[in-house]
Amino acid sequence: MAPVKNILLLRHAKSAWSDTTLSDHDRPLNRRGERAAKAIGDHLAQHGPRPDLVLCSTAMRTRQTLAPVIKRLGTHAPPIALEDTLYLASEESLLERLQAVADDITTVLLVGHNDGIWRLAEMLAGHGQPARLAALQEKYPTGTLATLQFPDGPWRDLAAGSGDLVAFVRPRDLMRR
């Protein structure tokens, strides 16, 4: 099998709106979001690919979504970059950030927000199973993980339509089992 690059795009899980005194940036996950984050963490640990680098928005809900993922990856968790610029970032900004990743990195997990995460996945996914692509086009629910593969090469060459959507996993798909 030829070497590939992988991008894991994780939208934060369901957040709580009960405390109206909190800023949007400081909103935590609700109980459903906590369960979803654990389910996605279990899925990623069991089915991979394992990230070499994590890029995560500084928002509370993205950090809380990431925590069970890192816990389930165990003692060899990848480096984590918490970045203010990922908070509510556009797909163009997210693409630019991915294009700046060091070329020795094979798999990046990006934890962020809609609409940027969704639009980035749509932009990059040029190939994949029709049902998976249709699900991506329809909706990108909270806590969803899209896995895209690209031909091995410099991250700066990452371009629209160049990826293969190999997985699109929603928390509800995992929690039904």
Protein backbone atom coordinates (compact mmCIF):
# COMPACT_ATOMS: atom_id res chain seq x y z
CA MET A 1 0.00 0.00 0.00
CA ALA A 2 1.36 3.42 -0.96
CA PRO A 3 2.09 5.85 1.90
CA VAL A 4 -0.65 8.37 2.62
CA LYS A 5 -1.35 11.44 4.71
CA ASN A 6 -4.44 11.41 6.95
CA ILE A 7 -6.59 14.20 8.29
CA LEU A 8 -9.06 13.52 11.08
CA LEU A 9 -11.64 16.30 11.34
CA LEU A 10 -13.52 16.21 14.64
CA ARG A 11 -16.33 18.63 15.37
CA HIS A 12 -16.73 19.29 19.09
CA ALA A 13 -19.44 17.30 20.82
CA LYS A 14 -22.77 18.74 22.01
CA SER A 15 -22.30 21.73 24.29
CA ALA A 16 -24.36 23.04 27.19
CA TRP A 17 -26.35 26.25 26.91
CA SER A 18 -27.76 26.29 30.46
CA ASP A 19 -25.36 28.90 31.89
CA THR A 20 -26.12 32.12 30.02
CA THR A 21 -23.34 33.97 31.88
CA LEU A 22 -20.64 32.00 30.03
CA SER A 23 -19.10 33.31 26.85
CA ASP A 24 -19.42 31.12 23.76
CA HIS A 25 -15.71 30.27 24.08
CA ASP A 26 -16.23 28.98 27.64
CA ARG A 27 -19.29 26.76 27.07
CA PRO A 28 -18.66 23.18 28.27
CA LEU A 29 -20.05 19.92 26.93
CA ASN A 30 -23.40 18.69 28.18
CA ARG A 31 -23.89 15.07 29.33
CA ARG A 32 -24.76 13.87 25.85
CA GLY A 33 -21.64 15.57 24.52
CA GLU A 34 -19.47 13.91 27.16
CA ARG A 35 -20.84 10.47 26.18
CA ALA A 36 -20.31 11.23 22.50
CA ALA A 37 -16.72 12.35 23.07
CA LYS A 38 -15.97 9.09 24.91
CA ALA A 39 -17.56 7.05 22.11
CA ILE A 40 -15.53 8.83 19.43
CA GLY A 41 -12.39 8.41 21.57
CA ASP A 42 -13.03 4.66 21.82
CA HIS A 43 -13.67 4.46 18.08
CA LEU A 44 -10.50 6.33 17.16
CA ALA A 45 -8.35 4.28 19.56
CA GLN A 46 -9.72 1.02 18.11
CA HIS A 47 -9.93 1.89 14.42
CA GLY A 48 -7.32 4.63 13.91
CA PRO A 49 -5.44 6.01 12.24
CA ARG A 50 -3.47 7.21 15.24
CA PRO A 51 -2.69 10.95 15.08
CA ASP A 52 0.91 12.19 15.12
CA LEU A 53 -0.24 15.73 15.91
CA VAL A 54 -3.38 17.26 17.38
CA LEU A 55 -4.51 20.78 16.49
CA CYS A 56 -7.34 21.96 18.74
CA SER A 57 -9.30 25.15 19.22
CA THR A 58 -8.90 26.71 22.66
CA ALA A 59 -12.67 26.67 23.29
CA MET A 60 -13.76 24.69 26.34
CA ARG A 61 -16.03 22.38 24.33
CA THR A 62 -13.26 21.40 21.88
CA ARG A 63 -10.80 20.71 24.70
CA GLN A 64 -13.41 18.63 26.53
CA THR A 65 -14.13 16.70 23.32
CA LEU A 66 -10.43 16.01 22.88
CA ALA A 67 -9.78 14.86 26.48
CA PRO A 68 -11.32 11.35 26.25
CA VAL A 69 -9.69 10.85 22.84
CA ILE A 70 -6.26 11.53 24.32
CA LYS A 71 -7.04 9.35 27.34
CA ARG A 72 -7.95 6.43 25.08
CA LEU A 73 -4.79 6.84 22.99
CA GLY A 74 -2.85 5.97 26.14
CA THR A 75 0.67 6.81 27.21
CA HIS A 76 1.91 7.62 23.72
CA ALA A 77 -0.45 10.51 23.05
CA PRO A 78 0.67 12.84 20.26
CA PRO A 79 1.76 16.45 20.74
CA ILE A 80 -1.20 18.81 21.17
CA ALA A 81 -1.30 22.39 19.91
CA LEU A 82 -4.12 24.47 21.42
CA GLU A 83 -4.55 27.38 19.03
CA ASP A 84 -6.75 30.47 19.41
CA THR A 85 -6.86 30.89 15.62
CA LEU A 86 -8.82 27.62 15.29
CA TYR A 87 -11.75 28.99 17.31
CA LEU A 88 -14.65 29.35 14.83
CA ALA A 89 -12.12 29.36 11.96
CA SER A 90 -13.25 29.31 8.33
CA GLU A 91 -12.44 26.42 6.03
CA GLU A 92 -9.84 28.57 4.29
CA SER A 93 -8.07 29.31 7.59
CA LEU A 94 -8.18 25.65 8.59
CA LEU A 95 -6.75 24.62 5.22
CA GLU A 96 -3.92 27.15 5.57
CA ARG A 97 -3.13 25.77 9.03
CA LEU A 98 -2.99 22.20 7.70
CA GLN A 99 -0.79 23.30 4.81
CA ALA A 100 1.71 24.58 7.40
CA VAL A 101 2.09 21.18 9.15
CA ALA A 102 5.62 19.74 9.12
CA ASP A 103 6.05 17.15 6.37
CA ASP A 104 7.30 14.44 8.75
CA ILE A 105 3.78 14.31 10.24
CA THR A 106 1.59 11.62 8.66
CA THR A 107 -1.72 12.01 10.52
CA VAL A 108 -3.27 15.18 11.95
CA LEU A 109 -6.33 15.35 14.21
CA LEU A 110 -8.02 18.75 13.95
CA VAL A 111 -10.68 19.50 16.59
CA GLY A 112 -12.83 22.49 15.79
CA HIS A 113 -16.20 24.02 15.05
CA ASN A 114 -18.85 24.26 12.38
CA ASP A 115 -19.16 25.61 9.78
CA GLY A 116 -15.39 25.56 9.22
CA ILE A 117 -14.86 21.84 9.92
CA TRP A 118 -17.81 20.83 7.75
CA ARG A 119 -16.90 23.10 4.84
CA LEU A 120 -13.25 21.97 5.01
CA ALA A 121 -14.32 18.31 4.85
CA GLU A 122 -16.60 19.06 1.89
CA MET A 123 -13.82 21.01 0.16
CA LEU A 124 -11.18 18.30 0.57
CA ALA A 125 -13.34 15.21 -0.08
CA GLY A 126 -13.04 14.63 -3.81
CA HIS A 127 -13.52 10.86 -3.61
CA GLY A 128 -15.22 8.27 -1.43
CA GLN A 129 -18.19 5.96 -1.17
CA PRO A 130 -21.28 7.76 -2.51
CA ALA A 131 -23.29 7.11 0.68
CA ARG A 132 -20.49 8.50 2.84
CA LEU A 133 -20.11 11.59 0.64
CA ALA A 134 -23.89 12.11 0.72
CA ALA A 135 -23.92 11.91 4.52
CA LEU A 136 -21.15 14.53 4.63
CA GLN A 137 -23.10 16.81 2.29
CA GLU A 138 -26.28 16.46 4.34
CA LYS A 139 -25.03 17.36 7.82
CA TYR A 140 -21.95 17.37 10.09
CA PRO A 141 -23.44 16.73 13.54
CA THR A 142 -21.69 17.60 16.78
CA GLY A 143 -19.09 15.02 17.78
CA THR A 144 -18.68 13.70 14.22
CA LEU A 145 -15.30 12.48 12.95
CA ALA A 146 -14.40 12.54 9.25
CA THR A 147 -11.27 10.70 8.13
CA LEU A 148 -9.69 11.76 4.87
CA GLN A 149 -6.67 10.25 3.10
CA PHE A 150 -4.37 12.00 0.67
CA PRO A 151 -1.43 10.92 -1.44
CA ASP A 152 1.81 11.23 0.51
CA GLY A 153 3.53 14.52 -0.17
CA PRO A 154 4.10 17.95 1.31
CA TRP A 155 1.24 19.32 3.38
CA ARG A 156 1.54 22.61 1.48
CA ASP A 157 0.18 20.74 -1.59
CA LEU A 158 -3.11 19.92 0.18
CA ALA A 159 -5.83 21.08 -2.18
CA ALA A 160 -9.58 21.04 -2.74
CA GLY A 161 -10.89 17.71 -4.02
CA SER A 162 -7.63 15.86 -3.39
CA GLY A 163 -8.84 13.68 -0.53
CA ASP A 164 -10.61 10.37 -0.17
CA LEU A 165 -13.32 10.36 2.52
CA VAL A 166 -12.59 6.96 4.08
CA ALA A 167 -14.82 7.32 7.16
CA PHE A 168 -17.61 9.55 8.43
CA VAL A 169 -18.53 8.52 11.97
CA ARG A 170 -21.32 10.17 13.93
CA PRO A 171 -21.70 9.58 17.68
CA ARG A 172 -25.24 8.26 17.18
CA ASP A 173 -23.82 5.50 14.93
CA LEU A 174 -21.52 4.38 17.76
CA MET A 175 -23.93 4.75 20.67
CA ARG A 176 -26.64 2.60 19.03
CA ARG A 177 -24.50 -0.51 19.36
